[in-house]
Protein backbone atom coordinates (compact mmCIF):
# COMPACT_ATOMS: atom_id res chain seq x y z
CA MET A 1 -6.93 5.17 4.01
CA ASN A 2 -8.95 7.88 5.70
CA LEU A 3 -7.67 11.34 4.68
CA TYR A 4 -6.96 12.45 8.24
CA ASP A 5 -5.12 9.19 8.94
CA VAL A 6 -2.92 9.81 5.90
CA MET A 7 -2.22 13.38 7.03
CA ARG A 8 -1.33 12.26 10.56
CA THR A 9 0.96 9.39 9.49
CA THR A 10 2.88 10.75 6.49
CA ALA A 11 6.38 10.79 7.95
CA ALA A 12 9.68 11.80 6.38
CA VAL A 13 10.94 8.46 5.05
CA ARG A 14 14.66 8.11 4.31
CA ASP A 15 15.23 4.38 4.83
CA PHE A 16 13.90 2.12 2.09
CA THR A 17 13.66 -1.60 1.49
CA ASP A 18 14.76 -3.22 -1.76
CA ASP A 19 11.14 -3.42 -2.93
CA PRO A 20 10.63 -1.72 -6.31
CA LEU A 21 8.27 1.17 -6.88
CA PRO A 22 6.29 -0.08 -9.89
CA ASP A 23 5.71 2.42 -12.67
CA GLU A 24 1.96 1.90 -12.46
CA VAL A 25 1.96 2.79 -8.77
CA LEU A 26 4.10 5.87 -9.34
CA HIS A 27 1.82 6.91 -12.20
CA ARG A 28 -1.19 6.58 -9.88
CA ILE A 29 0.59 8.68 -7.25
CA LEU A 30 1.33 11.43 -9.75
CA ASP A 31 -2.08 11.17 -11.37
CA ASN A 32 -3.74 12.02 -8.07
CA ALA A 33 -1.10 14.47 -6.81
CA ARG A 34 -1.42 16.65 -9.94
CA PHE A 35 -4.68 18.13 -8.62
CA ALA A 36 -2.72 20.28 -6.17
CA PRO A 37 -3.36 24.02 -6.51
CA SER A 38 -0.94 26.45 -8.14
CA GLY A 39 -0.96 30.20 -8.66
CA GLY A 40 -3.59 31.10 -11.24
CA ASN A 41 -3.87 27.36 -11.99
CA ARG A 42 -0.91 27.88 -14.32
CA GLN A 43 0.54 24.48 -13.39
CA GLY A 44 4.13 25.45 -14.07
CA THR A 45 5.64 22.36 -12.46
CA ARG A 46 7.59 19.61 -14.18
CA ILE A 47 8.77 16.33 -12.65
CA VAL A 48 11.79 14.36 -13.84
CA VAL A 49 11.57 10.70 -12.74
CA VAL A 50 15.14 9.52 -12.21
CA GLN A 51 15.82 5.78 -12.02
CA ASP A 52 19.24 5.46 -13.69
CA PRO A 53 21.85 4.56 -11.02
CA ASP A 54 24.59 6.75 -12.49
CA THR A 55 22.34 9.80 -12.61
CA ARG A 56 21.21 9.18 -9.06
CA ALA A 57 24.83 8.86 -7.93
CA ARG A 58 25.58 12.27 -9.43
CA LEU A 59 22.49 13.77 -7.76
CA ALA A 60 23.66 12.36 -4.44
CA GLU A 61 27.07 13.90 -5.00
CA LEU A 62 25.47 17.28 -5.67
CA ASN A 63 23.84 17.12 -2.22
CA LEU A 64 27.21 17.36 -0.51
CA THR A 65 27.85 21.09 -0.96
CA ALA A 66 24.73 22.02 0.99
CA ALA A 67 25.05 19.11 3.40
CA ARG A 68 28.53 20.16 4.54
CA ARG A 69 27.34 23.66 5.40
CA TYR A 70 24.21 22.21 7.05
CA VAL A 71 26.20 19.98 9.38
CA ALA A 72 28.92 22.56 10.04
CA GLN A 73 26.38 25.18 11.09
CA ILE A 74 24.59 22.76 13.40
CA LYS A 75 27.91 21.93 15.06
CA ALA A 76 28.49 25.67 15.48
CA GLY A 77 25.11 26.06 17.22
CA GLN A 78 23.37 27.73 14.29
CA SER A 79 20.11 26.96 12.55
CA PRO A 80 21.50 25.61 9.27
CA TRP A 81 21.11 27.60 6.08
CA ASN A 82 18.97 30.25 7.79
CA PRO A 83 18.85 33.46 5.72
CA ILE A 84 19.21 35.79 8.71
CA GLU A 85 22.81 35.26 9.74
CA PRO A 86 25.93 34.21 7.81
CA PRO A 87 27.60 30.88 8.60
CA ALA A 88 29.84 30.96 11.65
CA PRO A 89 32.18 28.25 10.25
CA SER A 90 34.67 29.40 7.66
CA PRO A 91 34.47 28.16 4.06
CA GLU A 92 37.48 25.95 4.80
CA GLU A 93 35.79 24.46 7.86
CA ILE A 94 32.63 23.82 5.88
CA ALA A 95 34.54 22.14 3.04
CA ALA A 96 36.27 19.84 5.55
CA THR A 97 33.06 18.79 7.33
CA ASP A 98 32.23 15.08 7.24
CA VAL A 99 28.53 14.48 6.58
CA GLY A 100 28.43 10.67 6.36
CA ASP A 101 25.88 9.14 4.01
CA ARG A 102 22.60 10.29 5.56
CA PHE A 103 22.18 13.05 2.97
CA THR A 104 23.01 10.83 0.00
CA LYS A 105 21.74 7.35 0.85
CA PRO A 106 18.00 8.06 0.25
CA VAL A 107 18.71 9.20 -3.32
CA LEU A 108 20.70 6.03 -3.97
CA THR A 109 18.36 3.48 -2.36
CA ALA A 110 14.85 4.76 -3.15
CA GLY A 111 12.66 3.02 -5.69
CA ALA A 112 12.62 6.22 -7.75
CA VAL A 113 13.77 9.80 -7.35
CA LEU A 114 11.60 12.72 -8.43
CA VAL A 115 13.21 16.04 -9.28
CA VAL A 116 10.48 18.66 -9.07
CA CYS A 117 10.95 21.92 -11.00
CA VAL A 118 8.84 25.04 -11.43
CA ASP A 119 8.75 27.51 -14.30
CA LEU A 120 9.70 30.89 -12.83
CA GLY A 121 8.01 32.56 -15.78
CA VAL A 122 4.57 31.61 -14.44
CA VAL A 123 5.19 31.94 -10.70
CA ALA A 124 3.56 34.94 -8.99
CA ALA A 125 6.25 35.94 -6.47
CA MET A 126 4.58 38.80 -4.62
CA ASP A 127 7.52 39.05 -2.23
CA GLN A 128 10.19 39.55 -4.91
CA ASP A 129 10.75 43.21 -3.98
CA LEU A 130 10.93 42.71 -0.22
CA ASP A 131 14.25 42.87 1.58
CA ARG A 132 14.34 39.19 2.44
CA ILE A 133 14.61 35.77 0.86
CA GLY A 134 11.59 35.08 -1.37
CA ILE A 135 9.31 32.21 -0.37
CA ILE A 136 5.93 33.02 -1.91
CA GLY A 137 6.73 31.38 -5.23
CA GLY A 138 6.84 28.05 -3.42
CA ALA A 139 3.05 28.16 -3.16
CA SER A 140 2.93 27.12 -6.81
CA VAL A 141 5.03 23.97 -6.37
CA TYR A 142 5.15 22.64 -2.81
CA PRO A 143 1.45 21.75 -2.55
CA LEU A 144 2.11 19.32 -5.41
CA VAL A 145 5.17 17.90 -3.64
CA TRP A 146 3.18 17.32 -0.47
CA ASN A 147 0.34 15.73 -2.44
CA ILE A 148 2.91 13.30 -3.86
CA LEU A 149 3.96 12.28 -0.35
CA LEU A 150 0.34 11.94 0.82
CA ALA A 151 -0.50 9.80 -2.21
CA ALA A 152 2.62 7.69 -1.66
CA ARG A 153 1.59 7.08 1.95
CA ASN A 154 -1.84 5.99 0.76
CA GLU A 155 -0.13 3.46 -1.54
CA GLY A 156 2.08 2.07 1.23
CA PHE A 157 5.18 3.93 0.06
CA GLY A 158 6.95 6.96 1.44
CA GLY A 159 9.58 9.59 0.87
CA THR A 160 10.73 13.01 1.93
CA ILE A 161 11.27 16.50 0.59
CA THR A 162 14.98 17.15 0.12
CA THR A 163 16.40 20.45 -1.08
CA MET A 164 20.16 20.01 -0.69
CA ALA A 165 20.73 19.69 -4.45
CA ALA A 166 19.19 23.13 -5.02
CA ALA A 167 22.43 24.70 -3.81
CA GLU A 168 23.99 23.25 -6.97
CA GLU A 169 21.04 24.13 -9.20
CA PRO A 170 23.01 24.87 -12.41
CA ALA A 171 24.72 21.48 -12.17
CA VAL A 172 21.36 19.74 -11.61
CA GLN A 173 19.92 21.58 -14.58
CA ASP A 174 22.82 20.49 -16.76
CA LEU A 175 22.59 16.90 -15.54
CA LEU A 176 18.89 16.56 -16.34
CA GLY A 177 18.51 18.98 -19.24
CA ILE A 178 16.37 21.38 -17.22
CA PRO A 179 15.99 24.85 -18.80
CA ARG A 180 17.46 27.71 -16.76
CA GLN A 181 13.96 29.23 -16.45
CA TYR A 182 12.96 26.29 -14.23
CA ALA A 183 13.97 26.38 -10.57
CA VAL A 184 14.83 23.10 -8.87
CA ALA A 185 12.35 23.05 -5.99
CA ALA A 186 12.83 19.59 -4.50
CA VAL A 187 14.38 16.18 -4.93
CA VAL A 188 11.98 13.55 -3.60
CA PRO A 189 13.20 9.96 -3.09
CA LEU A 190 10.27 7.52 -2.98
CA GLY A 191 10.22 3.87 -1.96
CA LYS A 192 8.92 1.23 0.42
CA PRO A 193 9.70 2.30 4.01
CA VAL A 194 11.79 0.01 6.18
CA LYS A 195 9.51 1.13 9.01
CA GLN A 196 6.15 2.84 8.54
CA LEU A 197 5.49 5.21 11.42
CA THR A 198 1.87 5.43 12.52
CA ARG A 199 2.19 8.12 15.16
CA LEU A 200 3.88 11.48 14.63
CA THR A 201 4.60 14.20 17.17
CA ARG A 202 3.74 17.83 16.45
CA ARG A 203 3.06 20.95 18.47
CA PRO A 204 -0.57 21.32 19.60
CA VAL A 205 -2.91 23.74 17.84
CA ALA A 206 -2.73 26.09 20.85
CA GLU A 207 0.97 26.64 20.09
CA LEU A 208 0.39 26.91 16.36
CA ALA A 209 -2.51 29.34 15.96
CA THR A 210 -3.52 32.59 17.67
CA ARG A 211 -6.58 34.80 17.44
CA GLU A 212 -6.49 38.08 15.52
CA ARG A 213 -2.77 38.88 16.06
CA PHE A 214 0.59 37.11 16.17
CA ASP A 215 0.65 37.75 19.93
CA GLY A 216 -3.05 37.05 20.36
CA ALA A 217 -4.71 34.44 22.52
CA ALA A 218 -4.17 30.82 21.58
CA PHE A 219 -6.82 29.46 19.24
């Protein structure tokens, strides 16, 4: 596929057919995705390919802690898991929130599940001393994750970036034997899409970019 076509049609895929994701195709996806940039080219990422049904069932279960808060905050009119304001629902209300299977089904039905980790010992987190949640370290891992999804689209497969399991990071680390020095950055289910979208909707460039200042003229 043309690069721009891939970029414009790589949707978040959560519904998969029963088609397998052959190892040779997944290897080709990872072989091309690995050329993503990372801080200092230190390449501190590791990927655990999870195919065992029992392990995937446990990963799906570990999504529920974050999913309950996510849904409860939406119902309360909040942007879920935002780091600016505390949850309006009480812990008891969050624990009692029904989330259905939309946060667990992709992990259970995908052809393979990738758990992407990054070594915090080689991440340059320039924002670590600021009085806010750190995000800069993600520059050393999320370009790789996005490359995986672009490569999957090019192969006729798809997936999505999920981060719910990160709320239970120690349990994920124990489940997969991940050293504590490695942060769990994403869980990416990959498979054959039930429906392959070919047209996505995004804000126009004029609403995305401005000249010279945040409040500058639209680019």
